């Protein structure tokens, strides 16, 4: 499990998913939460 306590735009989440790892991302800023969610789902759609 990869823990990213300052998720930001989701770079660590993307790398964790690409390496087939589970991850937990924490972000306080709602704008970054939405940005990371969109980015991770968009990138993962390319690998399915």
N, C-alpha and C. Protein backbone atom coordinates (compact mmCIF):
# COMPACT_ATOMS: atom_id res chain seq x y z
N UNK A 1 0.86 -1.18 0.00
CA UNK A 1 0.00 0.00 0.00
C UNK A 1 0.89 1.23 0.00
N UNK A 2 0.57 2.17 -0.89
CA UNK A 2 1.29 3.43 -0.98
C UNK A 2 0.42 4.51 -0.34
N UNK A 3 0.99 5.27 0.59
CA UNK A 3 0.28 6.35 1.25
C UNK A 3 0.84 7.68 0.77
N UNK A 4 -0.03 8.53 0.25
CA UNK A 4 0.36 9.87 -0.18
C UNK A 4 -0.46 10.87 0.64
N UNK A 5 0.13 11.44 1.71
CA UNK A 5 -0.63 12.34 2.58
C UNK A 5 -0.89 13.72 1.98
N UNK A 6 -0.23 14.04 0.88
CA UNK A 6 -0.42 15.33 0.20
C UNK A 6 -0.60 15.03 -1.29
N UNK A 7 -1.76 14.53 -1.66
CA UNK A 7 -1.98 13.93 -2.98
C UNK A 7 -1.83 14.90 -4.14
N UNK A 8 -2.19 16.14 -3.95
CA UNK A 8 -2.05 17.11 -5.05
C UNK A 8 -2.77 16.66 -6.29
N UNK A 9 -2.06 16.62 -7.42
CA UNK A 9 -2.70 16.28 -8.69
C UNK A 9 -2.76 14.78 -8.96
N UNK A 10 -2.26 13.95 -8.04
CA UNK A 10 -2.43 12.51 -8.16
C UNK A 10 -1.30 11.74 -8.83
N UNK A 11 -0.12 12.33 -8.93
CA UNK A 11 0.99 11.65 -9.59
C UNK A 11 1.35 10.33 -8.91
N UNK A 12 1.42 10.33 -7.58
CA UNK A 12 1.76 9.10 -6.86
C UNK A 12 0.68 8.04 -7.08
N UNK A 13 -0.57 8.45 -7.10
CA UNK A 13 -1.66 7.50 -7.35
C UNK A 13 -1.54 6.87 -8.73
N UNK A 14 -1.20 7.67 -9.72
CA UNK A 14 -1.03 7.14 -11.08
C UNK A 14 0.08 6.11 -11.15
N UNK A 15 1.21 6.43 -10.55
CA UNK A 15 2.34 5.50 -10.57
C UNK A 15 2.00 4.24 -9.80
N UNK A 16 1.34 4.38 -8.66
CA UNK A 16 0.95 3.20 -7.88
C UNK A 16 0.03 2.29 -8.69
N UNK A 17 -0.95 2.87 -9.37
CA UNK A 17 -1.86 2.05 -10.19
C UNK A 17 -1.12 1.37 -11.33
N UNK A 18 -0.20 2.09 -11.97
CA UNK A 18 0.56 1.50 -13.07
C UNK A 18 1.44 0.36 -12.60
N UNK A 19 1.88 0.42 -11.33
CA UNK A 19 2.71 -0.64 -10.76
C UNK A 19 1.87 -1.69 -10.03
N UNK A 20 0.54 -1.62 -10.21
CA UNK A 20 -0.39 -2.58 -9.61
C UNK A 20 -0.32 -2.58 -8.09
N UNK A 21 -0.21 -1.39 -7.51
CA UNK A 21 -0.18 -1.23 -6.06
C UNK A 21 -1.46 -0.53 -5.61
N UNK A 22 -1.91 -0.86 -4.41
CA UNK A 22 -3.01 -0.12 -3.80
C UNK A 22 -2.45 1.18 -3.25
N UNK A 23 -3.29 2.20 -3.19
CA UNK A 23 -2.81 3.47 -2.67
C UNK A 23 -3.91 4.16 -1.88
N UNK A 24 -3.48 5.03 -1.00
CA UNK A 24 -4.37 5.90 -0.25
C UNK A 24 -3.85 7.31 -0.44
N UNK A 25 -4.69 8.18 -0.94
CA UNK A 25 -4.31 9.57 -1.14
C UNK A 25 -5.14 10.47 -0.26
N UNK A 26 -4.49 11.44 0.37
CA UNK A 26 -5.17 12.38 1.24
C UNK A 26 -4.90 13.79 0.71
N UNK A 27 -5.96 14.56 0.55
CA UNK A 27 -5.82 15.94 0.08
C UNK A 27 -6.92 16.78 0.71
N UNK A 28 -6.56 17.93 1.25
CA UNK A 28 -7.53 18.80 1.90
C UNK A 28 -8.22 19.76 0.93
N UNK A 29 -7.54 20.14 -0.12
CA UNK A 29 -8.07 21.13 -1.07
C UNK A 29 -9.02 20.44 -2.04
N UNK A 30 -10.32 20.80 -2.01
CA UNK A 30 -11.30 20.15 -2.88
C UNK A 30 -10.98 20.29 -4.37
N UNK A 31 -10.35 21.38 -4.76
CA UNK A 31 -9.99 21.56 -6.17
C UNK A 31 -8.97 20.52 -6.61
N UNK A 32 -8.00 20.23 -5.76
CA UNK A 32 -7.00 19.22 -6.09
C UNK A 32 -7.60 17.81 -6.03
N UNK A 33 -8.54 17.60 -5.12
CA UNK A 33 -9.21 16.29 -5.05
C UNK A 33 -9.89 16.00 -6.38
N UNK A 34 -10.63 16.97 -6.89
CA UNK A 34 -11.33 16.78 -8.16
C UNK A 34 -10.33 16.62 -9.31
N UNK A 35 -9.27 17.42 -9.31
CA UNK A 35 -8.25 17.32 -10.35
C UNK A 35 -7.62 15.93 -10.36
N UNK A 36 -7.27 15.42 -9.18
CA UNK A 36 -6.64 14.10 -9.09
C UNK A 36 -7.61 13.01 -9.53
N UNK A 37 -8.87 13.13 -9.12
CA UNK A 37 -9.87 12.12 -9.50
C UNK A 37 -10.01 12.05 -11.02
N UNK A 38 -10.15 13.18 -11.65
CA UNK A 38 -10.29 13.22 -13.11
C UNK A 38 -9.04 12.67 -13.78
N UNK A 39 -7.89 13.08 -13.30
CA UNK A 39 -6.62 12.66 -13.91
C UNK A 39 -6.41 11.15 -13.79
N UNK A 40 -6.65 10.61 -12.60
CA UNK A 40 -6.43 9.17 -12.38
C UNK A 40 -7.40 8.35 -13.24
N UNK A 41 -8.68 8.73 -13.25
CA UNK A 41 -9.65 7.97 -14.07
C UNK A 41 -9.33 8.07 -15.55
N UNK A 42 -8.92 9.24 -16.01
CA UNK A 42 -8.58 9.41 -17.43
C UNK A 42 -7.37 8.57 -17.82
N UNK A 43 -6.34 8.57 -17.00
CA UNK A 43 -5.14 7.79 -17.28
C UNK A 43 -5.43 6.30 -17.23
N UNK A 44 -6.23 5.87 -16.26
CA UNK A 44 -6.52 4.45 -16.12
C UNK A 44 -7.37 3.94 -17.27
N UNK A 45 -8.19 4.78 -17.86
CA UNK A 45 -9.00 4.37 -19.00
C UNK A 45 -8.11 3.98 -20.19
N UNK A 46 -6.93 4.55 -20.26
CA UNK A 46 -6.00 4.23 -21.35
C UNK A 46 -5.39 2.84 -21.20
N UNK A 47 -5.39 2.30 -19.97
CA UNK A 47 -4.74 1.02 -19.71
C UNK A 47 -5.71 -0.13 -19.60
N UNK A 48 -7.01 0.13 -19.76
CA UNK A 48 -8.01 -0.94 -19.63
C UNK A 48 -8.30 -1.55 -20.97
